[in-house]
Amino acid sequence: MGTRTDPSALRWLIGAELSRYRRDVPMSLSELARRTGLGKPKLGHMEMGRYQQFPEDIAAVLHACGAEQSAVDRLTALAGRSDARSWWAPWANVMPDWFKTYVGLEGLADGAFVFESMVIPGLLQTEEYAQALTLGTGFVRPDHAERFVSFRQARARRLTDDEPLTLHAVIGEAALRLRVNGDETRRGQLRHLAAMSELPNVTVQVLRPEDGSHPATPVGKFVVLDFAHVRPIAYTELLDGAMYVQDPDGVRTYSMVSDNLRQVALSPAESRALIREYAGA
């Protein structure tokens, strides 16, 4: 699992897994409480990841749901991983609460597929591009903009950590053309994007209008996060919040869309050539 531990994100992931196992049976919380001897409110809090989940309670829930011992071992081991402080704590006051969960999950993930139709994904942004984009959105207070940009840069180092995130990004061609604080900022961003795409753990593909329609046409952005010890989740942003997809069928739909986008978009080599062409324009 990723190198950046976040206790609250770990609890969220464990809770999502516990909920999946219970619903797969299926079993109500009341029935689970009867079988485990744990209170229904406590079980609800465990699934929501609100408080610390103890290994013995996790094991009791999974055994009651008929889970294999390997599942018990991996989730109880995760419960033992916690840091006194989340890596993003220095920037907590400049991030909306709904985004903190995603950042924690991203730090724990081993792989991510990202689709962005209009802007360069955050992990691949330069400082100048990120600052201009942040000020342009109006969602971050001007006096917080500089600190928010420093947070984005710290977040981007996830791609060059000792155990880096494996990132596959499909980006709409419009993002290459978007004017952000003048042409020089845009060109610098594209040169950086082309360089990042050469990292062994980063793949970038560009999706052009002439490449045809695809299932993500009405979607502006979505992410599928993969983890070593828990099942994947999907994430999409709203104007003032986010939606997390945990249901296996829902995640499978996003994964199928991801596969389709990989097939429709330009190859990584063709994409890098196009990015460099725009960078020189």
Protein backbone atom coordinates (compact mmCIF):
# COMPACT_ATOMS: atom_id res chain seq x y z
CA MET A 1 0.00 0.00 0.00
CA GLY A 2 1.10 3.59 -0.64
CA THR A 3 3.80 5.25 1.43
CA ARG A 4 1.72 8.07 2.95
CA THR A 5 -0.27 6.81 5.89
CA ASP A 6 -3.45 8.66 6.86
CA PRO A 7 -5.33 7.23 9.87
CA SER A 8 -8.71 8.66 8.86
CA ALA A 9 -8.38 7.37 5.28
CA LEU A 10 -7.34 3.94 6.58
CA ARG A 11 -10.42 3.82 8.79
CA TRP A 12 -12.56 4.86 5.80
CA LEU A 13 -11.11 2.06 3.65
CA ILE A 14 -11.51 -0.58 6.35
CA GLY A 15 -15.08 0.56 7.00
CA ALA A 16 -15.93 0.34 3.30
CA GLU A 17 -14.57 -3.21 3.20
CA LEU A 18 -16.55 -4.25 6.28
CA SER A 19 -19.72 -2.83 4.75
CA ARG A 20 -19.09 -4.70 1.49
CA TYR A 21 -18.62 -8.03 3.24
CA ARG A 22 -21.83 -7.55 5.26
CA ARG A 23 -23.89 -6.55 2.23
CA ASP A 24 -22.50 -9.44 0.17
CA VAL A 25 -23.95 -11.96 2.64
CA PRO A 26 -26.45 -10.08 2.87
CA MET A 27 -26.95 -9.27 6.54
CA SER A 28 -28.51 -6.38 8.46
CA LEU A 29 -26.59 -4.50 11.12
CA SER A 30 -29.03 -5.86 13.70
CA GLU A 31 -28.27 -9.44 12.70
CA LEU A 32 -24.54 -8.74 12.65
CA ALA A 33 -24.80 -7.26 16.16
CA ARG A 34 -26.55 -10.43 17.35
CA ARG A 35 -23.89 -12.69 15.83
CA THR A 36 -20.85 -10.74 17.03
CA GLY A 37 -22.05 -9.40 20.36
CA LEU A 38 -21.00 -5.91 19.25
CA GLY A 39 -23.49 -3.06 19.58
CA LYS A 40 -25.32 -1.94 16.43
CA PRO A 41 -24.21 1.72 16.87
CA LYS A 42 -20.58 0.55 17.20
CA LEU A 43 -20.88 -1.55 14.05
CA GLY A 44 -22.32 1.44 12.20
CA HIS A 45 -19.41 3.62 13.34
CA MET A 46 -16.95 0.90 12.27
CA GLU A 47 -18.43 0.88 8.75
CA MET A 48 -18.35 4.67 8.58
CA GLY A 49 -14.73 4.74 9.76
CA ARG A 50 -15.54 7.35 12.38
CA TYR A 51 -13.49 5.86 15.20
CA GLN A 52 -10.57 3.50 15.58
CA GLN A 53 -11.42 -0.07 14.55
CA PHE A 54 -9.81 -2.70 16.76
CA PRO A 55 -8.38 -5.86 15.14
CA GLU A 56 -10.43 -8.19 17.34
CA ASP A 57 -13.68 -6.41 16.38
CA ILE A 58 -12.76 -6.48 12.70
CA ALA A 59 -12.04 -10.20 12.94
CA ALA A 60 -15.38 -10.84 14.69
CA VAL A 61 -17.29 -9.01 11.93
CA LEU A 62 -15.50 -10.78 9.10
CA HIS A 63 -15.88 -14.23 10.66
CA ALA A 64 -19.61 -13.57 11.11
CA CYS A 65 -19.82 -12.66 7.43
CA GLY A 66 -18.04 -15.85 6.39
CA ALA A 67 -14.93 -14.09 5.07
CA GLU A 68 -11.81 -16.10 4.33
CA GLN A 69 -8.93 -15.97 6.81
CA SER A 70 -6.80 -14.11 4.27
CA ALA A 71 -9.31 -11.24 4.34
CA VAL A 72 -9.27 -11.23 8.13
CA ASP A 73 -5.47 -11.12 8.16
CA ARG A 74 -5.13 -8.26 5.68
CA LEU A 75 -7.77 -6.02 7.27
CA THR A 76 -6.63 -6.58 10.85
CA ALA A 77 -3.07 -5.81 9.70
CA LEU A 78 -4.26 -2.55 8.16
CA ALA A 79 -5.94 -1.59 11.44
CA GLY A 80 -2.53 -1.70 13.08
CA ARG A 81 -1.11 0.93 10.70
CA SER A 82 -1.52 4.45 12.03
CA ASP A 83 0.50 7.61 12.33
CA ALA A 84 -0.05 10.27 14.95
CA ARG A 85 -0.60 12.79 12.20
CA SER A 86 -1.75 12.76 8.59
CA TRP A 87 0.86 13.82 6.05
CA TRP A 88 -1.38 16.65 4.82
CA ALA A 89 -1.95 18.10 8.33
CA PRO A 90 0.11 21.28 7.67
CA TRP A 91 -2.38 22.22 4.94
CA ALA A 92 -5.58 21.12 6.70
CA ASN A 93 -7.01 24.65 6.95
CA VAL A 94 -6.74 25.34 3.19
CA MET A 95 -8.48 22.13 2.05
CA PRO A 96 -12.23 21.52 2.06
CA ASP A 97 -13.21 18.62 4.32
CA TRP A 98 -14.56 16.52 1.45
CA PHE A 99 -11.18 16.66 -0.30
CA LYS A 100 -9.19 15.51 2.74
CA THR A 101 -10.61 12.00 2.44
CA TYR A 102 -9.57 11.77 -1.20
CA VAL A 103 -6.06 13.03 -0.52
CA GLY A 104 -5.67 10.45 2.24
CA LEU A 105 -6.90 7.67 -0.04
CA GLU A 106 -4.60 8.80 -2.86
CA GLY A 107 -1.64 8.62 -0.49
CA LEU A 108 -2.54 5.03 0.38
CA ALA A 109 -3.20 3.90 -3.19
CA ASP A 110 -0.76 1.89 -5.27
CA GLY A 111 -2.25 2.89 -8.61
CA ALA A 112 -4.61 5.52 -10.02
CA PHE A 113 -6.45 6.03 -13.29
CA VAL A 114 -7.43 9.66 -13.83
CA PHE A 115 -9.62 11.16 -16.54
CA GLU A 116 -9.62 14.95 -16.93
CA SER A 117 -11.39 16.58 -19.85
CA MET A 118 -10.52 20.26 -19.37
CA VAL A 119 -7.43 20.70 -17.13
CA ILE A 120 -4.15 18.95 -16.42
CA PRO A 121 -4.54 16.54 -13.47
CA GLY A 122 -3.37 17.93 -10.13
CA LEU A 123 -0.53 15.45 -9.67
CA LEU A 124 0.99 16.62 -12.97
CA GLN A 125 0.66 20.39 -12.51
CA THR A 126 3.52 22.88 -12.29
CA GLU A 127 3.58 25.43 -9.49
CA GLU A 128 2.73 28.33 -11.84
CA TYR A 129 -0.12 26.45 -13.50
CA ALA A 130 -1.52 25.30 -10.14
CA GLN A 131 -1.40 28.81 -8.71
CA ALA A 132 -3.14 30.38 -11.71
CA LEU A 133 -5.77 27.64 -11.76
CA THR A 134 -6.38 27.94 -8.03
CA LEU A 135 -6.85 31.70 -8.16
CA GLY A 136 -9.09 31.35 -11.22
CA THR A 137 -11.55 28.94 -9.61
CA GLY A 138 -12.55 31.23 -6.74
CA PHE A 139 -12.94 28.24 -4.41
CA VAL A 140 -9.76 29.05 -2.48
CA ARG A 141 -9.34 32.32 -0.58
CA PRO A 142 -6.65 34.55 -2.15
CA ASP A 143 -4.66 34.57 1.11
CA HIS A 144 -4.72 30.74 1.09
CA ALA A 145 -3.73 30.33 -2.55
CA GLU A 146 0.03 30.17 -1.99
CA ARG A 147 -0.28 27.54 0.76
CA PHE A 148 -2.73 25.53 -1.34
CA VAL A 149 -0.23 25.50 -4.19
CA SER A 150 2.53 24.29 -1.82
CA PHE A 151 0.16 21.49 -0.79
CA ARG A 152 -0.32 20.52 -4.44
CA GLN A 153 3.42 20.38 -4.93
CA ALA A 154 3.83 18.17 -1.87
CA ARG A 155 1.03 15.97 -3.16
CA ALA A 156 2.74 15.70 -6.57
CA ARG A 157 5.83 14.19 -4.92
CA ARG A 158 3.75 11.04 -4.54
CA LEU A 159 4.88 10.27 -8.11
CA THR A 160 8.56 10.33 -7.15
CA ASP A 161 8.43 8.77 -3.67
CA ASP A 162 10.55 5.71 -2.90
CA GLU A 163 7.40 3.67 -3.57
CA PRO A 164 5.75 5.89 -6.18
CA LEU A 165 2.14 5.87 -7.23
CA THR A 166 1.51 4.28 -10.63
CA LEU A 167 -0.51 6.87 -12.53
CA HIS A 168 -2.38 6.47 -15.83
CA ALA A 169 -3.93 9.74 -16.98
CA VAL A 170 -6.20 10.31 -19.97
CA ILE A 171 -6.51 14.02 -20.70
CA GLY A 172 -8.86 15.77 -23.09
CA GLU A 173 -7.13 17.75 -25.84
CA ALA A 174 -8.95 20.86 -24.59
CA ALA A 175 -6.73 20.76 -21.49
CA LEU A 176 -3.66 21.23 -23.71
CA ARG A 177 -5.22 24.32 -25.25
CA LEU A 178 -6.65 25.88 -22.08
CA ARG A 179 -5.19 29.35 -21.55
CA VAL A 180 -4.02 29.60 -17.94
CA ASN A 181 -2.24 32.84 -16.99
CA GLY A 182 -0.87 33.35 -20.50
CA ASP A 183 0.87 31.19 -23.05
CA GLU A 184 4.18 30.88 -21.19
CA THR A 185 2.50 29.24 -18.19
CA ARG A 186 0.63 26.92 -20.52
CA ARG A 187 3.78 25.98 -22.47
CA GLY A 188 5.75 25.41 -19.26
CA GLN A 189 2.99 23.17 -18.00
CA LEU A 190 2.98 21.14 -21.22
CA ARG A 191 6.76 20.73 -21.20
CA HIS A 192 6.48 19.46 -17.63
CA LEU A 193 3.64 17.12 -18.61
CA ALA A 194 5.71 15.65 -21.45
CA ALA A 195 8.67 15.12 -19.12
CA MET A 196 6.52 13.48 -16.44
CA SER A 197 5.04 11.12 -19.02
CA GLU A 198 8.52 9.62 -19.47
CA LEU A 199 8.64 8.40 -15.86
CA PRO A 200 8.29 4.60 -15.71
CA ASN A 201 5.30 4.87 -13.35
CA VAL A 202 3.43 7.56 -15.31
CA THR A 203 1.41 7.04 -18.50
CA VAL A 204 -0.31 9.95 -20.25
CA GLN A 205 -2.74 9.66 -23.15
CA VAL A 206 -4.53 12.49 -24.96
CA LEU A 207 -8.13 12.13 -26.08
CA ARG A 208 -9.08 14.18 -29.16
CA PRO A 209 -12.62 14.97 -30.41
CA GLU A 210 -11.84 13.29 -33.74
CA ASP A 211 -11.07 10.04 -31.91
CA GLY A 212 -14.81 9.55 -31.52
CA SER A 213 -17.40 9.29 -28.78
CA HIS A 214 -16.81 7.40 -25.55
CA PRO A 215 -18.72 6.59 -22.32
CA ALA A 216 -17.02 9.43 -20.40
CA THR A 217 -18.34 12.15 -22.76
CA PRO A 218 -20.71 13.66 -20.14
CA VAL A 219 -18.12 13.34 -17.34
CA GLY A 220 -15.60 16.08 -16.51
CA LYS A 221 -13.37 14.06 -14.18
CA PHE A 222 -13.20 10.74 -12.43
CA VAL A 223 -10.57 8.64 -10.68
CA VAL A 224 -10.23 4.92 -10.00
CA LEU A 225 -7.87 4.13 -7.11
CA ASP A 226 -6.29 0.68 -6.71
CA PHE A 227 -4.93 -0.63 -3.41
CA ALA A 228 -2.77 -3.60 -2.50
CA HIS A 229 -4.96 -4.90 0.34
CA VAL A 230 -8.48 -3.61 -0.30
CA ARG A 231 -10.73 -3.44 -3.32
CA PRO A 232 -10.63 -0.42 -5.66
CA ILE A 233 -12.88 2.62 -5.34
CA ALA A 234 -13.98 5.28 -7.82
CA TYR A 235 -14.18 9.00 -7.14
CA THR A 236 -15.72 11.91 -8.96
CA GLU A 237 -15.93 15.58 -7.98
CA LEU A 238 -19.01 17.76 -7.78
CA LEU A 239 -19.07 21.56 -7.60
CA ASP A 240 -18.97 21.59 -3.81
CA GLY A 241 -18.17 18.03 -2.84
CA ALA A 242 -17.31 14.57 -4.05
CA MET A 243 -18.91 11.19 -4.64
CA TYR A 244 -17.16 7.94 -3.71
CA VAL A 245 -18.25 4.74 -5.44
CA GLN A 246 -17.58 1.63 -3.34
CA ASP A 247 -20.16 -0.82 -4.71
CA PRO A 248 -18.31 -3.45 -6.80
CA ASP A 249 -20.73 -3.11 -9.73
CA GLY A 250 -20.36 0.67 -9.72
CA VAL A 251 -16.57 0.49 -9.55
CA ARG A 252 -16.60 -2.08 -12.34
CA THR A 253 -18.50 0.38 -14.54
CA TYR A 254 -15.85 3.06 -14.00
CA SER A 255 -13.11 0.51 -14.71
CA MET A 256 -14.81 -0.46 -17.98
CA VAL A 257 -14.99 3.22 -18.96
CA SER A 258 -11.29 3.54 -18.09
CA ASP A 259 -10.45 0.63 -20.39
CA ASN A 260 -12.48 2.20 -23.19
CA LEU A 261 -10.70 5.54 -22.80
CA ARG A 262 -7.31 3.82 -23.02
CA GLN A 263 -8.35 2.26 -26.30
CA VAL A 264 -9.88 5.39 -27.84
CA ALA A 265 -7.17 7.89 -26.86
CA LEU A 266 -3.87 8.36 -28.67
CA SER A 267 -1.07 6.01 -27.67
CA PRO A 268 1.37 7.27 -25.02
CA ALA A 269 4.03 7.98 -27.66
CA GLU A 270 1.59 9.81 -29.96
CA SER A 271 0.25 11.72 -26.98
CA ARG A 272 3.73 12.86 -25.91
CA ALA A 273 4.41 14.07 -29.44
CA LEU A 274 1.15 16.04 -29.51
CA ILE A 275 1.85 17.56 -26.08
CA ARG A 276 5.28 18.70 -27.25
CA GLU A 277 3.73 20.13 -30.41
CA TYR A 278 1.35 22.23 -28.31
CA ALA A 279 4.21 23.21 -25.99
CA GLY A 280 6.09 24.67 -28.92
CA ALA A 281 3.12 26.43 -30.46
